[in-house]
Amino acid sequence: MTLTSPPVARPVDTASSLADSAAGRSADSLDNAQARQLLKALGDPLRLQVIEALAGGERCVCDLTVDLGLAQSKLSFHLRVLKEAGLLEGREQGRWIYYRLQPEAITALQQWLGRLNAQCQRPASPCCD
């Protein structure tokens, strides 16, 4: 008689699904909730420094800690927030993780802001007769 363990329910990886939706959607389909999430992730000065540091290309966490003068635990927190928002992608190589920007997410946000800007340019409709 062979005993098998019951199937284990695995939690949904919301970080991956959020990153996939932000990076994989066309810019026209970025909704307000996704835009809020991206803007919230970019709303912290340290996270903006991380984005600027990664603008030149993929970087190892060890290099980012030195260049930004942050403890690895603090940097890891901010990297996780950016990754969950879909702004970063990470890959493991040995014991290190290398991060790079997700240009699709940045482009989607840029185009969402462009649509918002276009709406702001419309004149108001008359309100009084």
Protein backbone atom coordinates (compact mmCIF):
# COMPACT_ATOMS: atom_id res chain seq x y z
CA MET A 1 0.00 0.00 0.00
CA THR A 2 1.39 3.35 -1.03
CA LEU A 3 0.50 6.46 0.87
CA THR A 4 0.48 9.73 -0.94
CA SER A 5 0.26 13.07 0.66
CA PRO A 6 -2.70 15.24 -0.24
CA PRO A 7 -2.04 17.93 -2.82
CA VAL A 8 -0.73 21.10 -1.28
CA ALA A 9 -2.45 24.31 -2.27
CA ARG A 10 0.14 26.80 -3.35
CA PRO A 11 -0.55 30.45 -2.75
CA VAL A 12 -0.95 32.59 -5.82
CA ASP A 13 2.20 34.55 -6.47
CA THR A 14 0.61 37.98 -6.50
CA ALA A 15 3.97 39.65 -7.06
CA SER A 16 4.44 37.77 -10.31
CA SER A 17 0.87 38.26 -11.46
CA LEU A 18 0.99 41.98 -10.74
CA ALA A 19 4.33 42.30 -12.48
CA ASP A 20 3.04 40.30 -15.45
CA SER A 21 -0.06 42.46 -15.75
CA ALA A 22 1.86 45.73 -15.48
CA ALA A 23 4.64 44.69 -17.83
CA GLY A 24 2.63 42.57 -20.22
CA ARG A 25 -0.37 44.76 -20.88
CA SER A 26 -0.46 47.20 -23.73
CA ALA A 27 -0.18 50.79 -22.64
CA ASP A 28 -3.77 51.44 -23.71
CA SER A 29 -5.07 48.93 -21.20
CA LEU A 30 -3.23 50.19 -18.10
CA ASP A 31 -6.09 50.91 -15.74
CA ASN A 32 -6.22 53.44 -12.93
CA ALA A 33 -5.55 50.84 -10.22
CA GLN A 34 -2.40 49.65 -11.98
CA ALA A 35 -1.27 53.24 -12.54
CA ARG A 36 -1.82 53.97 -8.84
CA GLN A 37 0.28 50.96 -7.92
CA LEU A 38 3.12 52.05 -10.20
CA LEU A 39 2.97 55.65 -8.97
CA LYS A 40 2.88 54.51 -5.33
CA ALA A 41 5.97 52.37 -5.90
CA LEU A 42 7.74 55.34 -7.49
CA GLY A 43 6.60 57.69 -4.72
CA ASP A 44 9.47 56.89 -2.36
CA PRO A 45 12.77 58.78 -2.82
CA LEU A 46 14.87 55.65 -2.17
CA ARG A 47 12.93 53.69 -4.77
CA LEU A 48 13.48 56.49 -7.27
CA GLN A 49 17.21 56.22 -6.55
CA VAL A 50 17.02 52.50 -7.27
CA ILE A 51 15.21 53.20 -10.56
CA GLU A 52 17.86 55.76 -11.50
CA ALA A 53 20.65 53.33 -10.61
CA LEU A 54 19.08 50.66 -12.81
CA ALA A 55 18.50 53.04 -15.73
CA GLY A 56 21.99 52.18 -16.97
CA GLY A 57 21.25 48.46 -17.10
CA GLU A 58 21.10 45.33 -14.99
CA ARG A 59 22.80 45.50 -11.58
CA CYS A 60 23.63 43.07 -8.80
CA VAL A 61 22.15 43.68 -5.36
CA CYS A 62 25.66 43.76 -3.91
CA ASP A 63 26.59 46.68 -6.20
CA LEU A 64 23.37 48.53 -5.46
CA THR A 65 23.91 48.32 -1.69
CA VAL A 66 27.35 49.91 -2.05
CA ASP A 67 26.34 52.55 -4.62
CA LEU A 68 23.20 53.61 -2.76
CA GLY A 69 24.69 53.27 0.73
CA LEU A 70 21.81 51.11 1.96
CA ALA A 71 21.74 48.05 4.17
CA GLN A 72 20.88 44.96 2.15
CA SER A 73 17.67 44.39 4.14
CA LYS A 74 16.43 47.91 3.43
CA LEU A 75 17.35 47.66 -0.24
CA SER A 76 15.66 44.26 -0.52
CA PHE A 77 12.42 45.73 0.82
CA HIS A 78 12.43 48.50 -1.77
CA LEU A 79 13.39 46.11 -4.57
CA ARG A 80 10.47 43.87 -3.61
CA VAL A 81 8.02 46.80 -3.76
CA LEU A 82 9.30 47.80 -7.20
CA LYS A 83 9.20 44.21 -8.43
CA GLU A 84 5.65 43.65 -7.14
CA ALA A 85 4.57 46.79 -8.98
CA GLY A 86 6.01 45.34 -12.18
CA LEU A 87 8.76 47.92 -12.55
CA LEU A 88 11.67 45.48 -12.08
CA GLU A 89 12.62 42.00 -13.08
CA GLY A 90 15.13 39.92 -11.15
CA ARG A 91 17.20 36.91 -12.07
CA GLU A 92 19.34 34.71 -9.87
CA GLN A 93 22.91 33.91 -10.73
CA GLY A 94 24.66 31.88 -8.09
CA ARG A 95 23.96 33.46 -4.74
CA TRP A 96 23.24 36.91 -6.16
CA ILE A 97 20.17 38.46 -7.70
CA TYR A 98 20.48 40.83 -10.62
CA TYR A 99 17.74 43.39 -11.24
CA ARG A 100 16.79 45.36 -14.32
CA LEU A 101 14.00 47.74 -15.25
CA GLN A 102 10.88 46.55 -17.03
CA PRO A 103 10.63 49.09 -19.86
CA GLU A 104 7.13 47.89 -20.77
CA ALA A 105 5.78 49.01 -17.39
CA ILE A 106 7.47 52.39 -17.69
CA THR A 107 6.12 52.85 -21.21
CA ALA A 108 2.62 51.86 -20.06
CA LEU A 109 2.76 54.42 -17.25
CA GLN A 110 4.13 57.07 -19.61
CA GLN A 111 1.26 56.51 -22.03
CA TRP A 112 -1.30 56.48 -19.20
CA LEU A 113 0.07 59.86 -18.07
CA GLY A 114 -0.12 61.07 -21.68
CA ARG A 115 -3.81 60.16 -21.84
CA LEU A 116 -4.36 61.92 -18.51
CA ASN A 117 -2.57 64.99 -19.85
CA ALA A 118 -4.73 64.99 -22.99
CA GLN A 119 -7.87 64.87 -20.83
CA CYS A 120 -6.61 67.85 -18.83
CA GLN A 121 -6.33 69.89 -22.02
CA ARG A 122 -10.05 69.66 -22.80
CA PRO A 123 -12.01 72.81 -22.09
CA ALA A 124 -14.72 72.63 -19.47
CA SER A 125 -18.27 72.17 -20.63
CA PRO A 126 -20.63 75.04 -19.87
CA CYS A 127 -22.21 74.71 -16.44
CA CYS A 128 -24.62 77.64 -16.34
CA ASP A 129 -27.26 78.86 -18.79
